[in-house]
């Protein structure tokens, strides 16, 4: 529930959501709030939620790229046009996310319309 709709809004690390997740994990293990975060994540085989959000954003972007829907394709083209004009939007945030992850080549080869 903490990541509902994150494909659209989940580009930041959202400290508040991470705190809620970590607090739940610590209460599940019945350890103090001062327990080492990495130990808690390791014990539960978990990781920070922002990683999950970033993966979901990338998967959603792939769905949009592969879509045969005319409306989706047109909207994505509009986002790309706005992006080339210097506007910050969802597509530019996806590009930035991929670049930060070291996958600029993916954006350059897949993200542009043919």
PDB file of N, CA and C in Angstrom:
ATOM      1  N   UNK A   1       0.821  -1.193   0.000  1.00  0.00           N
ATOM      2  CA  UNK A   1       0.000   0.000   0.000  1.00  0.00           C
ATOM      3  C   UNK A   1       0.864   1.255   0.000  1.00  0.00           C
ATOM      4  N   UNK A   2       2.035   1.172   0.578  1.00  0.00           N
ATOM      5  CA  UNK A   2       2.896   2.344   0.626  1.00  0.00           C
ATOM      6  C   UNK A   2       3.403   2.750  -0.759  1.00  0.00           C
ATOM      7  N   UNK A   3       3.355   1.850  -1.694  1.00  0.00           N
ATOM      8  CA  UNK A   3       3.867   2.132  -3.041  1.00  0.00           C
ATOM      9  C   UNK A   3       2.762   2.210  -4.084  1.00  0.00           C
ATOM     10  N   UNK A   4       1.522   2.337  -3.655  1.00  0.00           N
ATOM     11  CA  UNK A   4       0.405   2.361  -4.596  1.00  0.00           C
ATOM     12  C   UNK A   4       0.563   3.522  -5.579  1.00  0.00           C
ATOM     13  N   UNK A   5       0.531   3.218  -6.862  1.00  0.00           N
ATOM     14  CA  UNK A   5       0.644   4.234  -7.891  1.00  0.00           C
ATOM     15  C   UNK A   5       2.027   4.829  -8.039  1.00  0.00           C
ATOM     16  N   UNK A   6       3.023   4.171  -7.479  1.00  0.00           N
ATOM     17  CA  UNK A   6       4.374   4.734  -7.467  1.00  0.00           C
ATOM     18  C   UNK A   6       4.980   4.851  -8.856  1.00  0.00           C
ATOM     19  N   UNK A   7       4.408   4.187  -9.836  1.00  0.00           N
ATOM     20  CA  UNK A   7       4.922   4.292 -11.197  1.00  0.00           C
ATOM     21  C   UNK A   7       4.851   5.740 -11.686  1.00  0.00           C
ATOM     22  N   UNK A   8       3.968   6.508 -11.091  1.00  0.00           N
ATOM     23  CA  UNK A   8       3.791   7.899 -11.492  1.00  0.00           C
ATOM     24  C   UNK A   8       4.517   8.850 -10.550  1.00  0.00           C
ATOM     25  N   UNK A   9       4.471   8.603  -9.245  1.00  0.00           N
ATOM     26  CA  UNK A   9       5.010   9.561  -8.285  1.00  0.00           C
ATOM     27  C   UNK A   9       6.294   9.122  -7.594  1.00  0.00           C
ATOM     28  N   UNK A  10       6.768   7.901  -7.797  1.00  0.00           N
ATOM     29  CA  UNK A  10       7.808   7.312  -6.956  1.00  0.00           C
ATOM     30  C   UNK A  10       9.247   7.632  -7.265  1.00  0.00           C
ATOM     31  N   UNK A  11       9.557   8.783  -7.838  1.00  0.00           N
ATOM     32  CA  UNK A  11      10.925   9.078  -8.236  1.00  0.00           C
ATOM     33  C   UNK A  11      11.837   9.503  -7.093  1.00  0.00           C
ATOM     34  N   UNK A  12      11.297   9.977  -5.997  1.00  0.00           N
ATOM     35  CA  UNK A  12      12.139  10.387  -4.873  1.00  0.00           C
ATOM     36  C   UNK A  12      12.214   9.256  -3.853  1.00  0.00           C
ATOM     37  N   UNK A  13      13.135   9.390  -2.925  1.00  0.00           N
ATOM     38  CA  UNK A  13      13.318   8.318  -1.939  1.00  0.00           C
ATOM     39  C   UNK A  13      12.267   8.352  -0.833  1.00  0.00           C
ATOM     40  N   UNK A  14      11.558   9.460  -0.675  1.00  0.00           N
ATOM     41  CA  UNK A  14      10.461   9.588   0.296  1.00  0.00           C
ATOM     42  C   UNK A  14      10.837   9.048   1.672  1.00  0.00           C
ATOM     43  N   UNK A  15      11.527   9.854   2.409  1.00  0.00           N
ATOM     44  CA  UNK A  15      12.025   9.478   3.722  1.00  0.00           C
ATOM     45  C   UNK A  15      10.910   8.995   4.657  1.00  0.00           C
ATOM     46  N   UNK A  16       9.751   9.599   4.562  1.00  0.00           N
ATOM     47  CA  UNK A  16       8.641   9.233   5.446  1.00  0.00           C
ATOM     48  C   UNK A  16       8.180   7.797   5.196  1.00  0.00           C
ATOM     49  N   UNK A  17       8.070   7.419   3.925  1.00  0.00           N
ATOM     50  CA  UNK A  17       7.639   6.061   3.594  1.00  0.00           C
ATOM     51  C   UNK A  17       8.678   5.047   4.049  1.00  0.00           C
ATOM     52  N   UNK A  18       9.947   5.381   3.863  1.00  0.00           N
ATOM     53  CA  UNK A  18      11.014   4.475   4.294  1.00  0.00           C
ATOM     54  C   UNK A  18      10.997   4.302   5.817  1.00  0.00           C
ATOM     55  N   UNK A  19      10.701   5.371   6.534  1.00  0.00           N
ATOM     56  CA  UNK A  19      10.631   5.292   7.992  1.00  0.00           C
ATOM     57  C   UNK A  19       9.483   4.393   8.442  1.00  0.00           C
ATOM     58  N   UNK A  20       8.345   4.499   7.790  1.00  0.00           N
ATOM     59  CA  UNK A  20       7.195   3.648   8.127  1.00  0.00           C
ATOM     60  C   UNK A  20       7.546   2.181   7.873  1.00  0.00           C
ATOM     61  N   UNK A  21       8.157   1.911   6.736  1.00  0.00           N
ATOM     62  CA  UNK A  21       8.546   0.548   6.381  1.00  0.00           C
ATOM     63  C   UNK A  21       9.554  -0.013   7.392  1.00  0.00           C
ATOM     64  N   UNK A  22      10.557   0.785   7.719  1.00  0.00           N
ATOM     65  CA  UNK A  22      11.582   0.337   8.657  1.00  0.00           C
ATOM     66  C   UNK A  22      11.005   0.127  10.059  1.00  0.00           C
ATOM     67  N   UNK A  23      10.119   1.007  10.471  1.00  0.00           N
ATOM     68  CA  UNK A  23       9.483   0.860  11.788  1.00  0.00           C
ATOM     69  C   UNK A  23       8.678  -0.435  11.848  1.00  0.00           C
ATOM     70  N   UNK A  24       7.963  -0.749  10.759  1.00  0.00           N
ATOM     71  CA  UNK A  24       7.218  -2.001  10.706  1.00  0.00           C
ATOM     72  C   UNK A  24       8.164  -3.202  10.783  1.00  0.00           C
ATOM     73  N   UNK A  25       9.252  -3.153  10.026  1.00  0.00           N
ATOM     74  CA  UNK A  25      10.219  -4.259  10.030  1.00  0.00           C
ATOM     75  C   UNK A  25      10.809  -4.475  11.422  1.00  0.00           C
ATOM     76  N   UNK A  26      11.142  -3.385  12.107  1.00  0.00           N
ATOM     77  CA  UNK A  26      11.719  -3.501  13.452  1.00  0.00           C
ATOM     78  C   UNK A  26      10.690  -4.027  14.448  1.00  0.00           C
ATOM     79  N   UNK A  27       9.443  -3.608  14.299  1.00  0.00           N
ATOM     80  CA  UNK A  27       8.419  -4.124  15.209  1.00  0.00           C
ATOM     81  C   UNK A  27       8.150  -5.599  14.934  1.00  0.00           C
ATOM     82  N   UNK A  28       8.258  -6.011  13.695  1.00  0.00           N
ATOM     83  CA  UNK A  28       8.084  -7.408  13.329  1.00  0.00           C
ATOM     84  C   UNK A  28       9.148  -8.285  13.996  1.00  0.00           C
ATOM     85  N   UNK A  29      10.370  -7.775  14.032  1.00  0.00           N
ATOM     86  CA  UNK A  29      11.471  -8.504  14.661  1.00  0.00           C
ATOM     87  C   UNK A  29      11.541  -8.283  16.165  1.00  0.00           C
ATOM     88  N   UNK A  30      10.746  -7.343  16.665  1.00  0.00           N
ATOM     89  CA  UNK A  30      10.732  -6.994  18.083  1.00  0.00           C
ATOM     90  C   UNK A  30      12.104  -6.547  18.570  1.00  0.00           C
ATOM     91  N   UNK A  31      12.705  -5.646  17.781  1.00  0.00           N
ATOM     92  CA  UNK A  31      13.986  -5.058  18.170  1.00  0.00           C
ATOM     93  C   UNK A  31      13.759  -3.578  18.460  1.00  0.00           C
ATOM     94  N   UNK A  32      14.727  -2.960  19.110  1.00  0.00           N
ATOM     95  CA  UNK A  32      14.618  -1.536  19.435  1.00  0.00           C
ATOM     96  C   UNK A  32      14.703  -0.698  18.167  1.00  0.00           C
ATOM     97  N   UNK A  33      14.200   0.512  18.288  1.00  0.00           N
ATOM     98  CA  UNK A  33      14.259   1.431  17.154  1.00  0.00           C
ATOM     99  C   UNK A  33      15.688   1.802  16.786  1.00  0.00           C
ATOM    100  N   UNK A  34      16.611   1.582  17.713  1.00  0.00           N
ATOM    101  CA  UNK A  34      18.013   1.915  17.464  1.00  0.00           C
ATOM    102  C   UNK A  34      18.780   0.768  16.804  1.00  0.00           C
ATOM    103  N   UNK A  35      18.099  -0.333  16.523  1.00  0.00           N
ATOM    104  CA  UNK A  35      18.760  -1.477  15.878  1.00  0.00           C
ATOM    105  C   UNK A  35      19.275  -1.066  14.498  1.00  0.00           C
ATOM    106  N   UNK A  36      20.347  -1.691  14.091  1.00  0.00           N
ATOM    107  CA  UNK A  36      20.989  -1.375  12.809  1.00  0.00           C
ATOM    108  C   UNK A  36      20.026  -1.670  11.644  1.00  0.00           C
ATOM    109  N   UNK A  37      19.819  -0.675  10.815  1.00  0.00           N
ATOM    110  CA  UNK A  37      18.891  -0.781   9.692  1.00  0.00           C
ATOM    111  C   UNK A  37      19.276  -1.902   8.739  1.00  0.00           C
ATOM    112  N   UNK A  38      20.544  -1.972   8.393  1.00  0.00           N
ATOM    113  CA  UNK A  38      20.992  -3.001   7.438  1.00  0.00           C
ATOM    114  C   UNK A  38      20.804  -4.402   8.014  1.00  0.00           C
ATOM    115  N   UNK A  39      20.983  -4.546   9.311  1.00  0.00           N
ATOM    116  CA  UNK A  39      20.764  -5.848   9.944  1.00  0.00           C
ATOM    117  C   UNK A  39      19.298  -6.249   9.874  1.00  0.00           C
ATOM    118  N   UNK A  40      18.421  -5.288  10.096  1.00  0.00           N
ATOM    119  CA  UNK A  40      16.985  -5.549  10.029  1.00  0.00           C
ATOM    120  C   UNK A  40      16.592  -5.953   8.617  1.00  0.00           C
ATOM    121  N   UNK A  41      17.050  -5.198   7.631  1.00  0.00           N
ATOM    122  CA  UNK A  41      16.759  -5.543   6.238  1.00  0.00           C
ATOM    123  C   UNK A  41      17.320  -6.912   5.875  1.00  0.00           C
ATOM    124  N   UNK A  42      18.536  -7.188   6.323  1.00  0.00           N
ATOM    125  CA  UNK A  42      19.157  -8.474   6.020  1.00  0.00           C
ATOM    126  C   UNK A  42      18.418  -9.638   6.661  1.00  0.00           C
ATOM    127  N   UNK A  43      18.004  -9.463   7.898  1.00  0.00           N
ATOM    128  CA  UNK A  43      17.292 -10.523   8.614  1.00  0.00           C
ATOM    129  C   UNK A  43      15.974 -10.868   7.932  1.00  0.00           C
ATOM    130  N   UNK A  44      15.331  -9.864   7.359  1.00  0.00           N
ATOM    131  CA  UNK A  44      14.041 -10.081   6.709  1.00  0.00           C
ATOM    132  C   UNK A  44      14.166 -10.249   5.192  1.00  0.00           C
ATOM    133  N   UNK A  45      15.387 -10.266   4.707  1.00  0.00           N
ATOM    134  CA  UNK A  45      15.643 -10.335   3.253  1.00  0.00           C
ATOM    135  C   UNK A  45      14.884  -9.227   2.523  1.00  0.00           C
ATOM    136  N   UNK A  46      14.955  -8.033   3.073  1.00  0.00           N
ATOM    137  CA  UNK A  46      14.279  -6.866   2.515  1.00  0.00           C
ATOM    138  C   UNK A  46      15.315  -5.847   2.074  1.00  0.00           C
ATOM    139  N   UNK A  47      14.851  -4.791   1.463  1.00  0.00           N
ATOM    140  CA  UNK A  47      15.676  -3.665   1.075  1.00  0.00           C
ATOM    141  C   UNK A  47      14.789  -2.433   1.097  1.00  0.00           C
ATOM    142  N   UNK A  48      15.375  -1.252   1.027  1.00  0.00           N
ATOM    143  CA  UNK A  48      14.541  -0.042   1.070  1.00  0.00           C
ATOM    144  C   UNK A  48      13.489  -0.042  -0.044  1.00  0.00           C
ATOM    145  N   UNK A  49      12.325   0.507   0.250  1.00  0.00           N
ATOM    146  CA  UNK A  49      11.209   0.494  -0.689  1.00  0.00           C
ATOM    147  C   UNK A  49      11.464   1.301  -1.954  1.00  0.00           C
ATOM    148  N   UNK A  50      12.353   2.294  -1.885  1.00  0.00           N
ATOM    149  CA  UNK A  50      12.577   3.095  -3.085  1.00  0.00           C
ATOM    150  C   UNK A  50      13.152   2.251  -4.222  1.00  0.00           C
ATOM    151  N   UNK A  51      13.871   1.204  -3.899  1.00  0.00           N
ATOM    152  CA  UNK A  51      14.410   0.315  -4.932  1.00  0.00           C
ATOM    153  C   UNK A  51      13.253  -0.368  -5.665  1.00  0.00           C
ATOM    154  N   UNK A  52      12.294  -0.857  -4.918  1.00  0.00           N
ATOM    155  CA  UNK A  52      11.106  -1.480  -5.505  1.00  0.00           C
ATOM    156  C   UNK A  52      10.360  -0.478  -6.383  1.00  0.00           C
ATOM    157  N   UNK A  53      10.233   0.764  -5.904  1.00  0.00           N
ATOM    158  CA  UNK A  53       9.540   1.785  -6.696  1.00  0.00           C
ATOM    159  C   UNK A  53      10.268   2.061  -8.004  1.00  0.00           C
ATOM    160  N   UNK A  54      11.582   2.156  -7.954  1.00  0.00           N
ATOM    161  CA  UNK A  54      12.357   2.421  -9.170  1.00  0.00           C
ATOM    162  C   UNK A  54      12.190   1.298 -10.185  1.00  0.00           C
ATOM    163  N   UNK A  55      12.171   0.063  -9.710  1.00  0.00           N
ATOM    164  CA  UNK A  55      11.973  -1.078 -10.610  1.00  0.00           C
ATOM    165  C   UNK A  55      10.586  -1.013 -11.229  1.00  0.00           C
ATOM    166  N   UNK A  56       9.591  -0.695 -10.428  1.00  0.00           N
ATOM    167  CA  UNK A  56       8.226  -0.601 -10.953  1.00  0.00           C
ATOM    168  C   UNK A  56       8.086   0.514 -11.978  1.00  0.00           C
ATOM    169  N   UNK A  57       8.775   1.624 -11.760  1.00  0.00           N
ATOM    170  CA  UNK A  57       8.754   2.723 -12.731  1.00  0.00           C
ATOM    171  C   UNK A  57       9.358   2.260 -14.046  1.00  0.00           C
ATOM    172  N   UNK A  58      10.496   1.574 -13.978  1.00  0.00           N
ATOM    173  CA  UNK A  58      11.162   1.092 -15.194  1.00  0.00           C
ATOM    174  C   UNK A  58      10.273   0.088 -15.940  1.00  0.00           C
ATOM    175  N   UNK A  59       9.621  -0.795 -15.220  1.00  0.00           N
ATOM    176  CA  UNK A  59       8.726  -1.768 -15.857  1.00  0.00           C
ATOM    177  C   UNK A  59       7.536  -1.072 -16.508  1.00  0.00           C
ATOM    178  N   UNK A  60       6.997  -0.075 -15.838  1.00  0.00           N
ATOM    179  CA  UNK A  60       5.862   0.681 -16.382  1.00  0.00           C
ATOM    180  C   UNK A  60       6.284   1.420 -17.651  1.00  0.00           C
ATOM    181  N   UNK A  61       7.475   2.005 -17.628  1.00  0.00           N
ATOM    182  CA  UNK A  61       8.001   2.684 -18.801  1.00  0.00           C
ATOM    183  C   UNK A  61       8.132   1.700 -19.960  1.00  0.00           C
ATOM    184  N   UNK A  62       8.611   0.491 -19.681  1.00  0.00           N
ATOM    185  CA  UNK A  62       8.727  -0.535 -20.729  1.00  0.00           C
ATOM    186  C   UNK A  62       7.362  -0.891 -21.303  1.00  0.00           C
ATOM    187  N   UNK A  63       6.339  -0.963 -20.451  1.00  0.00           N
ATOM    188  CA  UNK A  63       4.987  -1.236 -20.936  1.00  0.00           C
ATOM    189  C   UNK A  63       4.513  -0.129 -21.867  1.00  0.00           C
ATOM    190  N   UNK A  64       4.818   1.100 -21.513  1.00  0.00           N
ATOM    191  CA  UNK A  64       4.415   2.233 -22.345  1.00  0.00           C
ATOM    192  C   UNK A  64       5.131   2.178 -23.691  1.00  0.00           C
ATOM    193  N   UNK A  65       6.415   1.881 -23.660  1.00  0.00           N
ATOM    194  CA  UNK A  65       7.205   1.806 -24.895  1.00  0.00           C
ATOM    195  C   UNK A  65       6.659   0.711 -25.818  1.00  0.00           C
ATOM    196  N   UNK A  66       6.272  -0.424 -25.238  1.00  0.00           N
ATOM    197  CA  UNK A  66       5.799  -1.568 -26.020  1.00  0.00           C
ATOM    198  C   UNK A  66       4.308  -1.506 -26.358  1.00  0.00           C
ATOM    199  N   UNK A  67       3.627  -0.488 -25.885  1.00  0.00           N
ATOM    200  CA  UNK A  67       2.181  -0.410 -26.076  1.00  0.00           C
ATOM    201  C   UNK A  67       1.811  -0.197 -27.541  1.00  0.00           C
ATOM    202  N   UNK A  68       0.739  -0.839 -27.945  1.00  0.00           N
ATOM    203  CA  UNK A  68       0.173  -0.638 -29.276  1.00  0.00           C
ATOM    204  C   UNK A  68      -1.000   0.335 -29.253  1.00  0.00           C
ATOM    205  N   UNK A  69      -1.285   0.857 -28.074  1.00  0.00           N
ATOM    206  CA  UNK A  69      -2.398   1.776 -27.896  1.00  0.00           C
ATOM    207  C   UNK A  69      -2.043   3.134 -28.500  1.00  0.00           C
ATOM    208  N   UNK A  70      -2.862   3.619 -29.403  1.00  0.00           N
ATOM    209  CA  UNK A  70      -2.602   4.875 -30.105  1.00  0.00           C
ATOM    210  C   UNK A  70      -2.556   6.052 -29.133  1.00  0.00           C
ATOM    211  N   UNK A  71      -3.462   6.050 -28.170  1.00  0.00           N
ATOM    212  CA  UNK A  71      -3.530   7.157 -27.210  1.00  0.00           C
ATOM    213  C   UNK A  71      -2.276   7.184 -26.339  1.00  0.00           C
ATOM    214  N   UNK A  72      -1.870   6.032 -25.836  1.00  0.00           N
ATOM    215  CA  UNK A  72      -0.669   5.950 -25.003  1.00  0.00           C
ATOM    216  C   UNK A  72       0.554   6.408 -25.797  1.00  0.00           C
ATOM    217  N   UNK A  73       0.664   5.960 -27.040  1.00  0.00           N
ATOM    218  CA  UNK A  73       1.794   6.350 -27.886  1.00  0.00           C
ATOM    219  C   UNK A  73       1.804   7.858 -28.143  1.00  0.00           C
ATOM    220  N   UNK A  74       0.634   8.427 -28.377  1.00  0.00           N
ATOM    221  CA  UNK A  74       0.546   9.868 -28.621  1.00  0.00           C
ATOM    222  C   UNK A  74       0.926  10.655 -27.373  1.00  0.00           C
ATOM    223  N   UNK A  75       0.419  10.235 -26.221  1.00  0.00           N
ATOM    224  CA  UNK A  75       0.755  10.920 -24.971  1.00  0.00           C
ATOM    225  C   UNK A  75       2.245  10.837 -24.670  1.00  0.00           C
ATOM    226  N   UNK A  76       2.848   9.679 -24.937  1.00  0.00           N
ATOM    227  CA  UNK A  76       4.281   9.531 -24.714  1.00  0.00           C
ATOM    228  C   UNK A  76       5.059  10.446 -25.668  1.00  0.00           C
ATOM    229  N   UNK A  77       4.609  10.556 -26.904  1.00  0.00           N
ATOM    230  CA  UNK A  77       5.252  11.458 -27.872  1.00  0.00           C
ATOM    231  C   UNK A  77       5.175  12.908 -27.400  1.00  0.00           C
ATOM    232  N   UNK A  78       4.034  13.287 -26.835  1.00  0.00           N
ATOM    233  CA  UNK A  78       3.875  14.646 -26.308  1.00  0.00           C
ATOM    234  C   UNK A  78       4.843  14.870 -25.151  1.00  0.00           C
ATOM    235  N   UNK A  79       4.977  13.877 -24.276  1.00  0.00           N
ATOM    236  CA  UNK A  79       5.933  13.992 -23.172  1.00  0.00           C
ATOM    237  C   UNK A  79       7.353  14.188 -23.698  1.00  0.00           C
ATOM    238  N   UNK A  80       7.721  13.418 -24.720  1.00  0.00           N
ATOM    239  CA  UNK A  80       9.062  13.536 -25.297  1.00  0.00           C
ATOM    240  C   UNK A  80       9.269  14.904 -25.946  1.00  0.00           C
ATOM    241  N   UNK A  81       8.244  15.397 -26.642  1.00  0.00           N
ATOM    242  CA  UNK A  81       8.342  16.725 -27.262  1.00  0.00           C
ATOM    243  C   UNK A  81       8.530  17.808 -26.202  1.00  0.00           C
ATOM    244  N   UNK A  82       7.736  17.732 -25.149  1.00  0.00           N
ATOM    245  CA  UNK A  82       7.869  18.699 -24.061  1.00  0.00           C
ATOM    246  C   UNK A  82       9.252  18.603 -23.415  1.00  0.00           C
ATOM    247  N   UNK A  83       9.744  17.391 -23.302  1.00  0.00           N
ATOM    248  CA  UNK A  83      11.053  17.175 -22.694  1.00  0.00           C
ATOM    249  C   UNK A  83      12.151  17.834 -23.529  1.00  0.00           C
ATOM    250  N   UNK A  84      12.053  17.727 -24.853  1.00  0.00           N
ATOM    251  CA  UNK A  84      13.064  18.341 -25.723  1.00  0.00           C
ATOM    252  C   UNK A  84      12.998  19.860 -25.656  1.00  0.00           C
ATOM    253  N   UNK A  85      11.860  20.392 -25.243  1.00  0.00           N
ATOM    254  CA  UNK A  85      11.709  21.846 -25.063  1.00  0.00           C
ATOM    255  C   UNK A  85      12.180  22.292 -23.684  1.00  0.00           C
ATOM    256  N   UNK A  86      12.691  21.354 -22.896  1.00  0.00           N
ATOM    257  CA  UNK A  86      13.234  21.710 -21.590  1.00  0.00           C
ATOM    258  C   UNK A  86      12.272  21.585 -20.432  1.00  0.00           C
ATOM    259  N   UNK A  87      11.080  21.062 -20.678  1.00  0.00           N
ATOM    260  CA  UNK A  87      10.114  20.901 -19.587  1.00  0.00           C
ATOM    261  C   UNK A  87      10.425  19.639 -18.792  1.00  0.00           C
ATOM    262  N   UNK A  88      10.240  19.738 -17.510  1.00  0.00           N
ATOM    263  CA  UNK A  88      10.436  18.582 -16.625  1.00  0.00           C
ATOM    264  C   UNK A  88       9.095  17.862 -16.505  1.00  0.00           C
ATOM    265  N   UNK A  89       9.077  16.584 -16.873  1.00  0.00           N
ATOM    266  CA  UNK A  89       7.854  15.804 -16.791  1.00  0.00           C
ATOM    267  C   UNK A  89       8.186  14.354 -16.448  1.00  0.00           C
ATOM    268  N   UNK A  90       7.209  13.487 -16.545  1.00  0.00           N
ATOM    269  CA  UNK A  90       7.402  12.090 -16.178  1.00  0.00           C
ATOM    270  C   UNK A  90       8.489  11.435 -17.022  1.00  0.00           C
ATOM    271  N   UNK A  91       8.502  11.677 -18.319  1.00  0.00           N
ATOM    272  CA  UNK A  91       9.501  11.066 -19.199  1.00  0.00           C
ATOM    273  C   UNK A  91      10.905  11.548 -18.855  1.00  0.00           C
ATOM    274  N   UNK A  92      11.050  12.818 -18.552  1.00  0.00           N
ATOM    275  CA  UNK A  92      12.376  13.322 -18.174  1.00  0.00           C
ATOM    276  C   UNK A  92      12.829  12.724 -16.843  1.00  0.00           C
ATOM    277  N   UNK A  93      11.881  12.479 -15.959  1.00  0.00           N
ATOM    278  CA  UNK A  93      12.220  11.833 -14.683  1.00  0.00           C
ATOM    279  C   UNK A  93      12.655  10.385 -14.893  1.00  0.00           C
ATOM    280  N   UNK A  94      12.010   9.681 -15.834  1.00  0.00           N
ATOM    281  CA  UNK A  94      12.419   8.312 -16.165  1.00  0.00           C
ATOM    282  C   UNK A  94      13.826   8.319 -16.749  1.00  0.00           C
ATOM    283  N   UNK A  95      14.075   9.261 -17.643  1.00  0.00           N
ATOM    284  CA  UNK A  95      15.416   9.368 -18.246  1.00  0.00           C
ATOM    285  C   UNK A  95      16.459   9.609 -17.163  1.00  0.00           C
ATOM    286  N   UNK A  96      16.170  10.523 -16.258  1.00  0.00           N
ATOM    287  CA  UNK A  96      17.096  10.828 -15.170  1.00  0.00           C
ATOM    288  C   UNK A  96      17.320   9.606 -14.282  1.00  0.00           C
ATOM    289  N   UNK A  97      16.267   8.870 -13.995  1.00  0.00           N
ATOM    290  CA  UNK A  97      16.373   7.656 -13.181  1.00  0.00           C
ATOM    291  C   UNK A  97      17.266   6.626 -13.860  1.00  0.00           C
ATOM    292  N   UNK A  98      17.064   6.419 -15.150  1.00  0.00           N
ATOM    293  CA  UNK A  98      17.882   5.459 -15.890  1.00  0.00           C
ATOM    294  C   UNK A  98      19.340   5.912 -15.957  1.00  0.00           C
ATOM    295  N   UNK A  99      19.557   7.200 -16.145  1.00  0.00           N
ATOM    296  CA  UNK A  99      20.925   7.716 -16.200  1.00  0.00           C
ATOM    297  C   UNK A  99      21.636   7.546 -14.866  1.00  0.00           C
ATOM    298  N   UNK A 100      20.926   7.807 -13.771  1.00  0.00           N
ATOM    299  CA  UNK A 100      21.515   7.622 -12.435  1.00  0.00           C
ATOM    300  C   UNK A 100      21.863   6.157 -12.185  1.00  0.00           C
ATOM    301  N   UNK A 101      21.090   5.257 -12.791  1.00  0.00           N
ATOM    302  CA  UNK A 101      21.325   3.825 -12.618  1.00  0.00           C
ATOM    303  C   UNK A 101      22.403   3.312 -13.579  1.00  0.00           C
ATOM    304  N   UNK A 102      22.964   4.204 -14.379  1.00  0.00           N
ATOM    305  CA  UNK A 102      23.997   3.798 -15.324  1.00  0.00           C
ATOM    306  C   UNK A 102      23.448   3.138 -16.572  1.00  0.00           C
ATOM    307  N   UNK A 103      22.202   3.423 -16.892  1.00  0.00           N
ATOM    308  CA  UNK A 103      21.556   2.809 -18.055  1.00  0.00           C
ATOM    309  C   UNK A 103      21.142   3.844 -19.089  1.00  0.00           C
ATOM    310  N   UNK A 104      21.992   4.824 -19.301  1.00  0.00           N
ATOM    311  CA  UNK A 104      21.704   5.863 -20.291  1.00  0.00           C
ATOM    312  C   UNK A 104      21.494   5.257 -21.669  1.00  0.00           C
ATOM    313  N   UNK A 105      22.255   4.235 -21.974  1.00  0.00           N
ATOM    314  CA  UNK A 105      22.142   3.571 -23.281  1.00  0.00           C
ATOM    315  C   UNK A 105      20.750   2.986 -23.510  1.00  0.00           C
ATOM    316  N   UNK A 106      20.097   2.552 -22.449  1.00  0.00           N
ATOM    317  CA  UNK A 106      18.740   2.002 -22.573  1.00  0.00           C
ATOM    318  C   UNK A 106      17.793   3.107 -23.015  1.00  0.00           C
ATOM    319  N   UNK A 107      17.890   4.267 -22.392  1.00  0.00           N
ATOM    320  CA  UNK A 107      17.042   5.384 -22.784  1.00  0.00           C
ATOM    321  C   UNK A 107      17.306   5.780 -24.236  1.00  0.00           C
ATOM    322  N   UNK A 108      18.562   5.848 -24.601  1.00  0.00           N
ATOM    323  CA  UNK A 108      18.921   6.308 -25.946  1.00  0.00           C
ATOM    324  C   UNK A 108      18.479   5.330 -27.026  1.00  0.00           C
ATOM    325  N   UNK A 109      18.474   4.030 -26.733  1.00  0.00           N
ATOM    326  CA  UNK A 109      18.104   3.058 -27.752  1.00  0.00           C
ATOM    327  C   UNK A 109      16.626   2.712 -27.737  1.00  0.00           C
ATOM    328  N   UNK A 110      16.005   2.705 -26.566  1.00  0.00           N
ATOM    329  CA  UNK A 110      14.616   2.259 -26.451  1.00  0.00           C
ATOM    330  C   UNK A 110      13.650   3.417 -26.252  1.00  0.00           C
ATOM    331  N   UNK A 111      14.061   4.441 -25.547  1.00  0.00           N
ATOM    332  CA  UNK A 111      13.150   5.505 -25.126  1.00  0.00           C
ATOM    333  C   UNK A 111      12.693   6.453 -26.193  1.00  0.00           C
ATOM    334  N   UNK A 112      13.341   6.453 -27.335  1.00  0.00           N
ATOM    335  CA  UNK A 112      12.980   7.379 -28.394  1.00  0.00           C
ATOM    336  C   UNK A 112      12.053   6.706 -29.403  1.00  0.00           C
ATOM    337  N   UNK A 113      11.085   7.426 -29.926  1.00  0.00           N
ATOM    338  CA  UNK A 113      10.190   6.820 -30.918  1.00  0.00           C
ATOM    339  C   UNK A 113      10.944   6.507 -32.204  1.00  0.00           C
ATOM    340  N   UNK A 114      10.512   5.479 -32.872  1.00  0.00           N
ATOM    341  CA  UNK A 114      11.189   5.041 -34.102  1.00  0.00           C
ATOM    342  C   UNK A 114      10.728   5.839 -35.283  1.00  0.00           C
TER     343      UNK A 114
END
